[in-house]
């Protein structure tokens, strides 16, 4: 991997949902319906606080705890059509196409979502060509975010020093994983997660995606 020597970072790692694609509000709405149907109702505020940026396994565990029994292995199968229909009109996060066009530093995607869901989101929003061969899912590692495994796997695969990686995240899980990986976190607060939940050591919080190239450059 060849980086511009004038760049502050060797690699920029983007989360997907809420950073590249404007999907978090859609997921929260459908999650609320599904969890109520399963007999474990959560308010949208609870879902935003507890599950945005997490994995489906975290959501499953919360439902099982609330209903007091394990779910079947295919528990989510009856609800996949709801997510698919809701995501049919998915759009990029405002400003992301311009950011990707402006970046000179190599970049990739690392998400707690499955490869299938990532592919669907990138295809729907016409962003897939930006990330060919550079998509990493929590299914590739032992532990997803907030563990650092996924980010470290992406950096290792692409030959980047973790200390010279920037992570763009919109969730508390994501920025925690970036810090644990020894990477610089940039927390996007223009979505559902309030800035106060993203703030912390080694983290720049911003609410306008178009400002990202300048923020990355200012980190030199």
N, C-alpha and C. Protein backbone atom coordinates (compact mmCIF):
# COMPACT_ATOMS: atom_id res chain seq x y z
N UNK A 1 0.84 -1.19 0.00
CA UNK A 1 0.00 0.00 0.00
C UNK A 1 0.88 1.24 0.00
N UNK A 2 0.63 2.14 -0.93
CA UNK A 2 1.43 3.36 -1.03
C UNK A 2 0.63 4.56 -0.56
N UNK A 3 1.14 5.28 0.40
CA UNK A 3 0.47 6.47 0.91
C UNK A 3 1.22 7.72 0.48
N UNK A 4 0.52 8.81 0.40
CA UNK A 4 1.13 10.10 0.12
C UNK A 4 1.98 10.49 1.32
N UNK A 5 3.27 10.75 1.15
CA UNK A 5 4.13 11.05 2.31
C UNK A 5 3.72 12.30 3.05
N UNK A 6 2.92 13.16 2.42
CA UNK A 6 2.48 14.38 3.10
C UNK A 6 1.25 14.12 3.96
N UNK A 7 0.65 12.94 3.87
CA UNK A 7 -0.54 12.63 4.64
C UNK A 7 -0.18 12.32 6.09
N UNK A 8 -1.12 12.63 6.98
CA UNK A 8 -0.91 12.31 8.40
C UNK A 8 -1.09 10.83 8.66
N UNK A 9 -1.82 10.14 7.79
CA UNK A 9 -2.16 8.75 8.03
C UNK A 9 -1.80 7.88 6.83
N UNK A 10 -1.55 6.60 7.12
CA UNK A 10 -1.29 5.63 6.06
C UNK A 10 -2.59 5.01 5.56
N UNK A 11 -3.63 5.03 6.40
CA UNK A 11 -4.89 4.38 6.05
C UNK A 11 -6.03 5.05 6.80
N UNK A 12 -7.13 5.28 6.08
CA UNK A 12 -8.37 5.77 6.68
C UNK A 12 -9.38 4.63 6.64
N UNK A 13 -9.93 4.28 7.80
CA UNK A 13 -10.87 3.18 7.90
C UNK A 13 -12.26 3.73 8.18
N UNK A 14 -13.18 3.49 7.25
CA UNK A 14 -14.56 3.97 7.41
C UNK A 14 -15.46 2.87 7.95
N UNK A 15 -16.29 3.22 8.92
CA UNK A 15 -17.44 2.38 9.25
C UNK A 15 -18.42 2.51 8.08
N UNK A 16 -19.44 1.65 8.06
CA UNK A 16 -20.41 1.70 6.96
C UNK A 16 -21.70 2.42 7.39
N UNK A 17 -22.50 1.77 8.24
CA UNK A 17 -23.80 2.34 8.62
C UNK A 17 -23.63 3.61 9.44
N UNK A 18 -24.24 4.68 8.95
CA UNK A 18 -24.17 5.96 9.65
C UNK A 18 -22.97 6.80 9.30
N UNK A 19 -22.00 6.21 8.58
CA UNK A 19 -20.81 6.95 8.14
C UNK A 19 -20.78 7.06 6.62
N UNK A 20 -20.94 5.93 5.96
CA UNK A 20 -21.00 5.93 4.49
C UNK A 20 -22.43 5.98 3.98
N UNK A 21 -23.31 5.21 4.63
CA UNK A 21 -24.70 5.14 4.19
C UNK A 21 -25.62 5.57 5.33
N UNK A 22 -26.69 6.26 4.97
CA UNK A 22 -27.59 6.86 5.95
C UNK A 22 -28.65 5.84 6.38
N UNK A 23 -28.20 4.82 7.08
CA UNK A 23 -29.05 3.67 7.39
C UNK A 23 -29.46 3.56 8.85
N UNK A 24 -28.82 4.27 9.74
CA UNK A 24 -29.05 4.04 11.16
C UNK A 24 -30.50 4.31 11.57
N UNK A 25 -31.09 5.40 11.11
CA UNK A 25 -32.49 5.68 11.46
C UNK A 25 -33.40 4.58 10.94
N UNK A 26 -33.11 4.07 9.75
CA UNK A 26 -33.91 2.98 9.18
C UNK A 26 -33.81 1.75 10.07
N UNK A 27 -32.59 1.38 10.44
CA UNK A 27 -32.40 0.20 11.29
C UNK A 27 -33.10 0.35 12.64
N UNK A 28 -32.99 1.54 13.23
CA UNK A 28 -33.60 1.75 14.54
C UNK A 28 -35.12 1.56 14.46
N UNK A 29 -35.73 2.11 13.43
CA UNK A 29 -37.17 1.99 13.27
C UNK A 29 -37.61 0.54 13.11
N UNK A 30 -36.90 -0.19 12.25
CA UNK A 30 -37.27 -1.60 12.02
C UNK A 30 -36.90 -2.45 13.23
N UNK A 31 -35.76 -2.18 13.85
CA UNK A 31 -35.38 -2.92 15.06
C UNK A 31 -36.48 -2.82 16.13
N UNK A 32 -37.03 -1.63 16.30
CA UNK A 32 -38.08 -1.45 17.31
C UNK A 32 -39.29 -2.33 17.01
N UNK A 33 -39.68 -2.41 15.74
CA UNK A 33 -40.80 -3.25 15.35
C UNK A 33 -40.50 -4.73 15.59
N UNK A 34 -39.30 -5.15 15.18
CA UNK A 34 -38.92 -6.56 15.30
C UNK A 34 -38.82 -6.98 16.77
N UNK A 35 -38.19 -6.15 17.58
CA UNK A 35 -38.01 -6.52 18.98
C UNK A 35 -39.34 -6.57 19.72
N UNK A 36 -40.26 -5.68 19.37
CA UNK A 36 -41.59 -5.73 19.97
C UNK A 36 -42.31 -7.01 19.55
N UNK A 37 -42.17 -7.39 18.29
CA UNK A 37 -42.80 -8.61 17.79
C UNK A 37 -42.25 -9.85 18.50
N UNK A 38 -40.97 -9.78 18.88
CA UNK A 38 -40.34 -10.89 19.59
C UNK A 38 -40.69 -10.93 21.08
N UNK A 39 -41.44 -9.94 21.52
CA UNK A 39 -41.84 -9.87 22.92
C UNK A 39 -40.85 -9.16 23.81
N UNK A 40 -39.93 -8.39 23.20
CA UNK A 40 -38.92 -7.67 23.97
C UNK A 40 -38.89 -6.22 23.49
N UNK A 41 -39.93 -5.45 23.80
CA UNK A 41 -39.97 -4.08 23.28
C UNK A 41 -38.89 -3.18 23.88
N UNK A 42 -38.24 -2.42 23.00
CA UNK A 42 -37.29 -1.38 23.38
C UNK A 42 -37.74 -0.10 22.71
N UNK A 43 -37.60 1.03 23.38
CA UNK A 43 -37.90 2.30 22.75
C UNK A 43 -36.80 2.64 21.75
N UNK A 44 -37.09 3.54 20.82
CA UNK A 44 -36.06 3.94 19.85
C UNK A 44 -34.88 4.59 20.57
N UNK A 45 -35.16 5.34 21.64
CA UNK A 45 -34.06 5.96 22.40
C UNK A 45 -33.15 4.89 23.01
N UNK A 46 -33.75 3.82 23.53
CA UNK A 46 -32.96 2.72 24.09
C UNK A 46 -32.13 2.04 23.02
N UNK A 47 -32.73 1.85 21.85
CA UNK A 47 -32.02 1.19 20.75
C UNK A 47 -30.82 2.03 20.30
N UNK A 48 -31.01 3.34 20.19
CA UNK A 48 -29.92 4.23 19.80
C UNK A 48 -28.78 4.14 20.81
N UNK A 49 -29.11 4.15 22.09
CA UNK A 49 -28.08 4.14 23.13
C UNK A 49 -27.37 2.80 23.23
N UNK A 50 -28.13 1.70 23.07
CA UNK A 50 -27.56 0.37 23.36
C UNK A 50 -27.06 -0.39 22.14
N UNK A 51 -27.64 -0.11 20.96
CA UNK A 51 -27.37 -1.01 19.84
C UNK A 51 -26.77 -0.37 18.59
N UNK A 52 -26.84 0.95 18.44
CA UNK A 52 -26.26 1.57 17.25
C UNK A 52 -24.76 1.30 17.24
N UNK A 53 -24.30 0.72 16.14
CA UNK A 53 -22.89 0.38 16.01
C UNK A 53 -22.52 -0.99 16.52
N UNK A 54 -23.48 -1.69 17.12
CA UNK A 54 -23.19 -3.03 17.64
C UNK A 54 -23.46 -4.08 16.57
N UNK A 55 -23.37 -5.33 16.94
CA UNK A 55 -23.62 -6.43 16.02
C UNK A 55 -24.98 -7.04 16.29
N UNK A 56 -25.46 -7.87 15.37
CA UNK A 56 -26.73 -8.54 15.55
C UNK A 56 -26.68 -9.48 16.76
N UNK A 57 -25.50 -9.97 17.10
CA UNK A 57 -25.37 -10.84 18.26
C UNK A 57 -25.67 -10.09 19.56
N UNK A 58 -25.29 -8.82 19.62
CA UNK A 58 -25.58 -8.00 20.80
C UNK A 58 -27.08 -7.80 20.94
N UNK A 59 -27.72 -7.50 19.82
CA UNK A 59 -29.17 -7.32 19.84
C UNK A 59 -29.86 -8.62 20.24
N UNK A 60 -29.42 -9.71 19.68
CA UNK A 60 -30.02 -11.02 20.01
C UNK A 60 -29.90 -11.30 21.50
N UNK A 61 -28.72 -11.07 22.07
CA UNK A 61 -28.50 -11.33 23.49
C UNK A 61 -29.43 -10.49 24.36
N UNK A 62 -29.66 -9.25 23.94
CA UNK A 62 -30.55 -8.37 24.71
C UNK A 62 -31.99 -8.86 24.67
N UNK A 63 -32.42 -9.33 23.51
CA UNK A 63 -33.77 -9.87 23.38
C UNK A 63 -33.91 -11.13 24.23
N UNK A 64 -32.93 -12.02 24.16
CA UNK A 64 -32.99 -13.27 24.93
C UNK A 64 -33.02 -12.99 26.43
N UNK A 65 -32.25 -12.00 26.86
CA UNK A 65 -32.25 -11.65 28.28
C UNK A 65 -33.62 -11.14 28.70
N UNK A 66 -34.24 -10.34 27.85
CA UNK A 66 -35.53 -9.74 28.21
C UNK A 66 -36.66 -10.75 28.19
N UNK A 67 -36.63 -11.71 27.26
CA UNK A 67 -37.73 -12.68 27.18
C UNK A 67 -37.44 -13.93 28.02
N UNK A 68 -36.20 -14.06 28.48
CA UNK A 68 -35.88 -15.15 29.38
C UNK A 68 -35.72 -16.51 28.73
N UNK A 69 -35.41 -16.54 27.45
CA UNK A 69 -35.20 -17.82 26.76
C UNK A 69 -34.37 -17.57 25.51
N UNK A 70 -33.69 -18.61 25.02
CA UNK A 70 -32.89 -18.43 23.79
C UNK A 70 -33.78 -18.36 22.55
N UNK A 71 -33.31 -17.64 21.56
CA UNK A 71 -33.99 -17.58 20.27
C UNK A 71 -33.50 -18.71 19.37
N UNK A 72 -34.31 -19.10 18.43
CA UNK A 72 -33.91 -20.12 17.46
C UNK A 72 -32.78 -19.56 16.59
N UNK A 73 -32.00 -20.44 15.99
CA UNK A 73 -30.88 -20.00 15.15
C UNK A 73 -31.34 -19.12 13.99
N UNK A 74 -32.54 -19.39 13.48
CA UNK A 74 -33.05 -18.61 12.34
C UNK A 74 -34.09 -17.58 12.79
N UNK A 75 -33.92 -17.07 14.00
CA UNK A 75 -34.92 -16.17 14.58
C UNK A 75 -35.18 -14.93 13.73
N UNK A 76 -34.15 -14.46 13.00
CA UNK A 76 -34.28 -13.21 12.25
C UNK A 76 -34.83 -13.41 10.83
N UNK A 77 -34.93 -14.66 10.40
CA UNK A 77 -35.34 -14.93 9.02
C UNK A 77 -36.70 -14.33 8.66
N UNK A 78 -37.71 -14.40 9.53
CA UNK A 78 -39.02 -13.84 9.17
C UNK A 78 -39.04 -12.31 9.02
N UNK A 79 -37.96 -11.66 9.43
CA UNK A 79 -37.95 -10.20 9.44
C UNK A 79 -37.03 -9.59 8.39
N UNK A 80 -36.29 -10.42 7.67
CA UNK A 80 -35.32 -9.87 6.72
C UNK A 80 -36.00 -9.04 5.64
N UNK A 81 -37.21 -9.41 5.27
CA UNK A 81 -37.90 -8.65 4.22
C UNK A 81 -38.22 -7.24 4.68
N UNK A 82 -38.42 -7.04 5.97
CA UNK A 82 -38.71 -5.70 6.49
C UNK A 82 -37.50 -4.78 6.31
N UNK A 83 -36.32 -5.30 6.65
CA UNK A 83 -35.11 -4.52 6.48
C UNK A 83 -34.83 -4.26 5.01
N UNK A 84 -35.00 -5.29 4.18
CA UNK A 84 -34.72 -5.15 2.76
C UNK A 84 -35.62 -4.08 2.13
N UNK A 85 -36.90 -4.09 2.49
CA UNK A 85 -37.83 -3.11 1.94
C UNK A 85 -37.50 -1.70 2.43
N UNK A 86 -37.17 -1.58 3.71
CA UNK A 86 -36.88 -0.26 4.28
C UNK A 86 -35.60 0.34 3.71
N UNK A 87 -34.65 -0.54 3.32
CA UNK A 87 -33.37 -0.06 2.83
C UNK A 87 -33.33 0.12 1.31
N UNK A 88 -34.47 -0.09 0.66
CA UNK A 88 -34.51 -0.01 -0.81
C UNK A 88 -34.15 1.39 -1.31
N UNK A 89 -34.46 2.40 -0.53
CA UNK A 89 -34.18 3.78 -0.94
C UNK A 89 -33.01 4.38 -0.16
N UNK A 90 -32.12 3.54 0.28
CA UNK A 90 -30.95 3.99 1.05
C UNK A 90 -30.11 4.99 0.25
N UNK A 91 -29.60 6.00 0.93
CA UNK A 91 -28.77 7.02 0.29
C UNK A 91 -27.44 7.16 1.03
N UNK A 92 -26.42 7.70 0.36
CA UNK A 92 -25.14 7.95 1.06
C UNK A 92 -25.33 9.02 2.13
N UNK A 93 -24.50 8.97 3.15
CA UNK A 93 -24.46 10.06 4.12
C UNK A 93 -24.09 11.34 3.38
N UNK A 94 -24.74 12.41 3.72
CA UNK A 94 -24.52 13.68 3.04
C UNK A 94 -23.04 14.07 3.07
N UNK A 95 -22.46 14.28 1.90
CA UNK A 95 -21.07 14.70 1.79
C UNK A 95 -20.08 13.58 1.54
N UNK A 96 -20.50 12.33 1.75
CA UNK A 96 -19.55 11.21 1.60
C UNK A 96 -19.01 11.07 0.17
N UNK A 97 -19.82 11.18 -0.88
CA UNK A 97 -19.23 11.07 -2.22
C UNK A 97 -18.12 12.08 -2.46
N UNK A 98 -18.30 13.30 -1.97
CA UNK A 98 -17.28 14.33 -2.14
C UNK A 98 -16.03 14.00 -1.32
N UNK A 99 -16.23 13.46 -0.12
CA UNK A 99 -15.09 13.08 0.73
C UNK A 99 -14.25 12.00 0.06
N UNK A 100 -14.89 10.97 -0.45
CA UNK A 100 -14.17 9.87 -1.08
C UNK A 100 -13.43 10.34 -2.33
N UNK A 101 -14.01 11.28 -3.04
CA UNK A 101 -13.35 11.82 -4.23
C UNK A 101 -12.15 12.67 -3.86
N UNK A 102 -12.17 13.28 -2.69
CA UNK A 102 -11.11 14.21 -2.29
C UNK A 102 -9.94 13.53 -1.60
N UNK A 103 -10.15 12.36 -1.01
CA UNK A 103 -9.09 11.72 -0.22
C UNK A 103 -7.93 11.25 -1.10
N UNK A 104 -6.72 11.54 -0.65
CA UNK A 104 -5.52 11.03 -1.31
C UNK A 104 -4.91 9.86 -0.54
N UNK A 105 -5.32 9.71 0.71
CA UNK A 105 -4.83 8.61 1.54
C UNK A 105 -5.60 7.33 1.22
N UNK A 106 -4.95 6.18 1.18
CA UNK A 106 -5.68 4.92 0.99
C UNK A 106 -6.74 4.75 2.07
N UNK A 107 -7.86 4.14 1.68
CA UNK A 107 -8.94 3.95 2.65
C UNK A 107 -9.62 2.61 2.42
N UNK A 108 -10.35 2.17 3.45
CA UNK A 108 -11.08 0.91 3.38
C UNK A 108 -12.34 1.02 4.23
N UNK A 109 -13.08 -0.06 4.31
CA UNK A 109 -14.31 -0.12 5.08
C UNK A 109 -14.20 -1.26 6.08
N UNK A 110 -14.61 -1.02 7.33
CA UNK A 110 -14.62 -2.07 8.36
C UNK A 110 -15.88 -1.91 9.19
N UNK A 111 -16.79 -2.87 9.09
CA UNK A 111 -18.12 -2.76 9.68
C UNK A 111 -18.47 -3.98 10.50
N UNK A 112 -19.29 -3.78 11.54
CA UNK A 112 -19.83 -4.91 12.30
C UNK A 112 -20.89 -5.66 11.51
N UNK A 113 -21.34 -5.11 10.39
CA UNK A 113 -22.34 -5.77 9.57
C UNK A 113 -21.74 -6.95 8.81
N UNK A 114 -22.61 -7.77 8.26
CA UNK A 114 -22.17 -8.90 7.46
C UNK A 114 -21.70 -8.44 6.09
N UNK A 115 -20.92 -9.27 5.42
CA UNK A 115 -20.49 -8.93 4.06
C UNK A 115 -21.71 -8.75 3.15
N UNK A 116 -22.73 -9.54 3.38
CA UNK A 116 -23.92 -9.43 2.53
C UNK A 116 -24.60 -8.08 2.71
N UNK A 117 -24.78 -7.63 3.95
CA UNK A 117 -25.44 -6.36 4.19
C UNK A 117 -24.58 -5.19 3.72
N UNK A 118 -23.27 -5.30 3.89
CA UNK A 118 -22.37 -4.24 3.41
C UNK A 118 -22.46 -4.13 1.90
N UNK A 119 -22.41 -5.26 1.21
CA UNK A 119 -22.50 -5.27 -0.25
C UNK A 119 -23.80 -4.64 -0.72
N UNK A 120 -24.90 -5.00 -0.06
CA UNK A 120 -26.21 -4.43 -0.44
C UNK A 120 -26.22 -2.92 -0.25
N UNK A 121 -25.68 -2.45 0.86
CA UNK A 121 -25.68 -1.01 1.13
C UNK A 121 -24.82 -0.24 0.13
N UNK A 122 -23.63 -0.77 -0.16
CA UNK A 122 -22.74 -0.09 -1.09
C UNK A 122 -23.30 -0.10 -2.51
N UNK A 123 -23.95 -1.20 -2.89
CA UNK A 123 -24.53 -1.29 -4.22
C UNK A 123 -25.71 -0.34 -4.36
N UNK A 124 -26.57 -0.31 -3.36
CA UNK A 124 -27.74 0.56 -3.41
C UNK A 124 -27.36 2.03 -3.52
N UNK A 125 -26.28 2.41 -2.85
CA UNK A 125 -25.87 3.82 -2.82
C UNK A 125 -24.80 4.15 -3.86
N UNK A 126 -24.47 3.20 -4.73
CA UNK A 126 -23.48 3.42 -5.80
C UNK A 126 -22.10 3.79 -5.24
N UNK A 127 -21.75 3.21 -4.10
CA UNK A 127 -20.43 3.47 -3.50
C UNK A 127 -19.49 2.28 -3.61
N UNK A 128 -19.97 1.17 -4.15
CA UNK A 128 -19.18 -0.07 -4.10
C UNK A 128 -17.85 0.04 -4.83
N UNK A 129 -17.78 0.84 -5.90
CA UNK A 129 -16.53 0.93 -6.66
C UNK A 129 -15.41 1.57 -5.85
N UNK A 130 -15.76 2.30 -4.81
CA UNK A 130 -14.74 2.94 -3.97
C UNK A 130 -14.01 1.93 -3.07
N UNK A 131 -14.62 0.77 -2.84
CA UNK A 131 -14.09 -0.14 -1.81
C UNK A 131 -13.80 -1.55 -2.31
N UNK A 132 -13.66 -1.72 -3.59
CA UNK A 132 -13.41 -3.05 -4.14
C UNK A 132 -12.13 -3.66 -3.55
N UNK A 133 -12.28 -4.84 -2.96
CA UNK A 133 -11.14 -5.52 -2.36
C UNK A 133 -10.70 -4.96 -1.03
N UNK A 134 -11.46 -4.02 -0.49
CA UNK A 134 -11.06 -3.36 0.77
C UNK A 134 -12.25 -3.24 1.71
N UNK A 135 -13.00 -4.34 1.82
CA UNK A 135 -14.17 -4.40 2.71
C UNK A 135 -13.91 -5.46 3.77
N UNK A 136 -14.07 -5.09 5.04
CA UNK A 136 -13.84 -5.99 6.16
C UNK A 136 -15.08 -6.02 7.04
N UNK A 137 -15.47 -7.22 7.43
CA UNK A 137 -16.66 -7.43 8.26
C UNK A 137 -16.27 -8.07 9.58
N UNK A 138 -17.11 -7.85 10.60
CA UNK A 138 -16.87 -8.49 11.89
C UNK A 138 -16.87 -10.01 11.77
N UNK A 139 -17.49 -10.53 10.72
CA UNK A 139 -17.49 -11.98 10.50
C UNK A 139 -16.09 -12.50 10.13
N UNK A 140 -15.16 -11.59 9.83
CA UNK A 140 -13.80 -11.98 9.47
C UNK A 140 -12.91 -12.21 10.69
N UNK A 141 -13.38 -11.80 11.87
CA UNK A 141 -12.55 -11.85 13.07
C UNK A 141 -13.31 -12.50 14.22
N UNK A 142 -12.59 -12.76 15.31
CA UNK A 142 -13.22 -13.42 16.45
C UNK A 142 -14.22 -12.52 17.15
N UNK A 143 -13.88 -11.25 17.31
CA UNK A 143 -14.74 -10.32 18.03
C UNK A 143 -14.94 -9.05 17.22
N UNK A 144 -16.18 -8.59 17.14
CA UNK A 144 -16.47 -7.32 16.49
C UNK A 144 -16.26 -6.15 17.44
N UNK A 145 -16.57 -4.96 16.97
CA UNK A 145 -16.47 -3.77 17.81
C UNK A 145 -17.43 -3.93 19.01
N UNK A 146 -17.01 -3.50 20.21
CA UNK A 146 -15.93 -2.56 20.53
C UNK A 146 -14.54 -3.17 20.69
N UNK A 147 -14.38 -4.46 20.44
CA UNK A 147 -13.03 -5.04 20.44
C UNK A 147 -12.24 -4.46 19.26
N UNK A 148 -10.92 -4.40 19.36
CA UNK A 148 -10.11 -3.80 18.30
C UNK A 148 -9.83 -4.74 17.13
N UNK A 149 -10.25 -6.00 17.22
CA UNK A 149 -9.85 -7.03 16.26
C UNK A 149 -10.09 -6.64 14.80
N UNK A 150 -11.26 -6.09 14.52
CA UNK A 150 -11.62 -5.80 13.13
C UNK A 150 -10.71 -4.73 12.54
N UNK A 151 -10.47 -3.67 13.28
CA UNK A 151 -9.61 -2.59 12.78
C UNK A 151 -8.17 -3.07 12.63
N UNK A 152 -7.71 -3.86 13.57
CA UNK A 152 -6.34 -4.37 13.47
C UNK A 152 -6.21 -5.34 12.29
N UNK A 153 -7.24 -6.11 12.04
CA UNK A 153 -7.24 -7.02 10.89
C UNK A 153 -7.16 -6.24 9.58
N UNK A 154 -7.94 -5.16 9.48
CA UNK A 154 -7.93 -4.34 8.27
C UNK A 154 -6.55 -3.72 8.05
N UNK A 155 -5.98 -3.17 9.12
CA UNK A 155 -4.65 -2.55 9.00
C UNK A 155 -3.59 -3.56 8.62
N UNK A 156 -3.62 -4.72 9.25
CA UNK A 156 -2.64 -5.77 8.97
C UNK A 156 -2.75 -6.24 7.52
N UNK A 157 -3.98 -6.45 7.05
CA UNK A 157 -4.20 -6.92 5.69
C UNK A 157 -3.69 -5.93 4.66
N UNK A 158 -3.84 -4.64 4.95
CA UNK A 158 -3.45 -3.60 3.99
C UNK A 158 -2.07 -3.04 4.28
N UNK A 159 -1.35 -3.62 5.23
CA UNK A 159 0.03 -3.23 5.49
C UNK A 159 0.19 -1.87 6.12
N UNK A 160 -0.75 -1.49 6.97
CA UNK A 160 -0.68 -0.17 7.61
C UNK A 160 -0.34 -0.30 9.09
N UNK A 161 0.42 0.64 9.60
CA UNK A 161 0.74 0.72 11.02
C UNK A 161 -0.51 1.22 11.75
N UNK A 162 -1.02 0.49 12.74
CA UNK A 162 -2.21 0.96 13.46
C UNK A 162 -2.07 2.38 14.00
N UNK A 163 -0.87 2.75 14.42
CA UNK A 163 -0.66 4.09 14.97
C UNK A 163 -0.81 5.17 13.91
N UNK A 164 -0.80 4.77 12.62
CA UNK A 164 -0.96 5.73 11.54
C UNK A 164 -2.26 5.48 10.76
N UNK A 165 -3.25 4.97 11.50
CA UNK A 165 -4.58 4.76 10.92
C UNK A 165 -5.58 5.72 11.55
N UNK A 166 -6.48 6.23 10.73
CA UNK A 166 -7.59 7.04 11.20
C UNK A 166 -8.88 6.25 11.00
N UNK A 167 -9.73 6.27 12.00
CA UNK A 167 -11.00 5.54 11.95
C UNK A 167 -12.14 6.54 11.98
N UNK A 168 -13.07 6.40 11.03
CA UNK A 168 -14.23 7.29 10.96
C UNK A 168 -15.44 6.50 11.44
N UNK A 169 -16.00 6.92 12.56
CA UNK A 169 -17.07 6.18 13.21
C UNK A 169 -18.20 7.11 13.64
N UNK A 170 -19.37 6.52 13.87
CA UNK A 170 -20.51 7.31 14.34
C UNK A 170 -21.11 6.72 15.60
N UNK A 171 -20.46 5.73 16.21
CA UNK A 171 -21.04 5.08 17.38
C UNK A 171 -20.02 4.97 18.50
N UNK A 172 -20.54 4.82 19.71
CA UNK A 172 -19.66 4.64 20.87
C UNK A 172 -18.87 3.34 20.75
N UNK A 173 -19.51 2.29 20.21
CA UNK A 173 -18.80 1.02 19.99
C UNK A 173 -17.60 1.23 19.06
N UNK A 174 -17.82 1.99 18.01
CA UNK A 174 -16.79 2.19 17.01
C UNK A 174 -15.60 2.98 17.51
N UNK A 175 -15.87 4.09 18.20
CA UNK A 175 -14.74 4.89 18.69
C UNK A 175 -13.99 4.13 19.79
N UNK A 176 -14.71 3.32 20.57
CA UNK A 176 -14.04 2.51 21.59
C UNK A 176 -13.10 1.50 20.93
N UNK A 177 -13.54 0.90 19.84
CA UNK A 177 -12.70 -0.06 19.12
C UNK A 177 -11.47 0.62 18.53
N UNK A 178 -11.65 1.82 18.00
CA UNK A 178 -10.52 2.56 17.44
C UNK A 178 -9.48 2.87 18.52
N UNK A 179 -9.94 3.33 19.66
CA UNK A 179 -9.01 3.63 20.76
C UNK A 179 -8.29 2.37 21.21
N UNK A 180 -9.03 1.26 21.32
CA UNK A 180 -8.41 0.01 21.75
C UNK A 180 -7.37 -0.48 20.75
N UNK A 181 -7.55 -0.13 19.48
CA UNK A 181 -6.61 -0.53 18.44
C UNK A 181 -5.41 0.41 18.35
N UNK A 182 -5.42 1.48 19.13
CA UNK A 182 -4.34 2.45 19.08
C UNK A 182 -4.41 3.35 17.87
N UNK A 183 -5.61 3.54 17.34
CA UNK A 183 -5.81 4.36 16.15
C UNK A 183 -6.48 5.68 16.52
N UNK A 184 -6.34 6.67 15.66
CA UNK A 184 -6.97 7.97 15.88
C UNK A 184 -8.42 7.89 15.45
N UNK A 185 -9.33 8.28 16.33
CA UNK A 185 -10.76 8.20 16.03
C UNK A 185 -11.31 9.56 15.63
N UNK A 186 -12.16 9.55 14.62
CA UNK A 186 -12.91 10.72 14.20
C UNK A 186 -14.39 10.36 14.33
N UNK A 187 -15.06 10.94 15.32
CA UNK A 187 -16.43 10.59 15.62
C UNK A 187 -17.42 11.52 14.93
N UNK A 188 -18.20 10.96 14.02
CA UNK A 188 -19.19 11.75 13.27
C UNK A 188 -20.49 11.83 14.08
N UNK A 189 -20.83 13.03 14.52
CA UNK A 189 -22.02 13.24 15.36
C UNK A 189 -23.19 13.82 14.57
N UNK A 190 -23.12 13.74 13.24
CA UNK A 190 -24.21 14.26 12.42
C UNK A 190 -25.35 13.27 12.26
N UNK A 191 -25.25 12.10 12.89
CA UNK A 191 -26.29 11.08 12.79
C UNK A 191 -27.10 10.98 14.06
N UNK A 192 -27.24 9.74 14.58
CA UNK A 192 -28.10 9.51 15.75
C UNK A 192 -27.36 9.61 17.08
N UNK A 193 -26.07 9.30 17.09
CA UNK A 193 -25.33 9.28 18.35
C UNK A 193 -24.89 10.69 18.73
N UNK A 194 -25.25 11.16 19.93
CA UNK A 194 -24.86 12.52 20.33
C UNK A 194 -23.35 12.64 20.51
N UNK A 195 -22.85 13.84 20.31
CA UNK A 195 -21.42 14.09 20.39
C UNK A 195 -20.84 13.67 21.73
N UNK A 196 -21.59 13.82 22.80
CA UNK A 196 -21.08 13.49 24.13
C UNK A 196 -20.72 12.02 24.27
N UNK A 197 -21.36 11.14 23.49
CA UNK A 197 -21.06 9.70 23.57
C UNK A 197 -19.86 9.33 22.71
N UNK A 198 -19.41 10.26 21.88
CA UNK A 198 -18.25 9.99 21.02
C UNK A 198 -16.98 10.62 21.57
N UNK A 199 -17.12 11.60 22.43
CA UNK A 199 -15.96 12.31 22.94
C UNK A 199 -15.09 11.42 23.80
N UNK A 200 -13.79 11.71 23.78
CA UNK A 200 -12.86 10.94 24.60
C UNK A 200 -11.44 11.10 24.10
N UNK A 201 -10.50 10.41 24.71
CA UNK A 201 -9.09 10.55 24.34
C UNK A 201 -8.84 10.11 22.90
N UNK A 202 -8.01 10.87 22.21
CA UNK A 202 -7.62 10.52 20.86
C UNK A 202 -8.74 10.59 19.85
N UNK A 203 -9.78 11.36 20.14
CA UNK A 203 -10.96 11.41 19.27
C UNK A 203 -11.31 12.84 18.88
N UNK A 204 -11.48 13.06 17.59
CA UNK A 204 -11.98 14.33 17.06
C UNK A 204 -13.45 14.14 16.73
N UNK A 205 -14.32 14.96 17.28
CA UNK A 205 -15.75 14.85 17.03
C UNK A 205 -16.16 15.97 16.06
N UNK A 206 -16.94 15.61 15.04
CA UNK A 206 -17.35 16.58 14.03
C UNK A 206 -18.75 16.23 13.55
N UNK A 207 -19.48 17.22 13.03
CA UNK A 207 -20.87 16.97 12.64
C UNK A 207 -21.15 17.25 11.16
N UNK A 208 -20.13 17.60 10.39
CA UNK A 208 -20.29 17.86 8.96
C UNK A 208 -19.30 16.98 8.21
N UNK A 209 -19.79 15.98 7.48
CA UNK A 209 -18.90 15.04 6.83
C UNK A 209 -17.97 15.72 5.85
N UNK A 210 -18.41 16.80 5.24
CA UNK A 210 -17.57 17.50 4.26
C UNK A 210 -16.31 18.11 4.90
N UNK A 211 -16.32 18.23 6.21
CA UNK A 211 -15.15 18.78 6.92
C UNK A 211 -14.06 17.74 7.12
N UNK A 212 -14.35 16.48 6.85
CA UNK A 212 -13.41 15.41 7.19
C UNK A 212 -12.04 15.55 6.51
N UNK A 213 -11.94 15.79 5.20
CA UNK A 213 -10.61 15.91 4.61
C UNK A 213 -9.72 16.94 5.30
N UNK A 214 -10.31 18.07 5.66
CA UNK A 214 -9.54 19.12 6.33
C UNK A 214 -9.14 18.66 7.73
N UNK A 215 -10.01 17.95 8.42
CA UNK A 215 -9.68 17.46 9.77
C UNK A 215 -8.56 16.44 9.71
N UNK A 216 -8.58 15.57 8.71
CA UNK A 216 -7.51 14.59 8.55
C UNK A 216 -6.19 15.30 8.25
N UNK A 217 -6.24 16.31 7.40
CA UNK A 217 -5.02 17.05 7.07
C UNK A 217 -4.48 17.80 8.26
N UNK A 218 -5.38 18.31 9.09
CA UNK A 218 -4.96 19.10 10.26
C UNK A 218 -4.29 18.23 11.32
N UNK A 219 -4.44 16.91 11.21
CA UNK A 219 -3.84 16.00 12.18
C UNK A 219 -2.37 15.77 11.93
N UNK A 220 -1.81 16.37 10.84
CA UNK A 220 -0.39 16.21 10.53
C UNK A 220 0.48 16.74 11.67
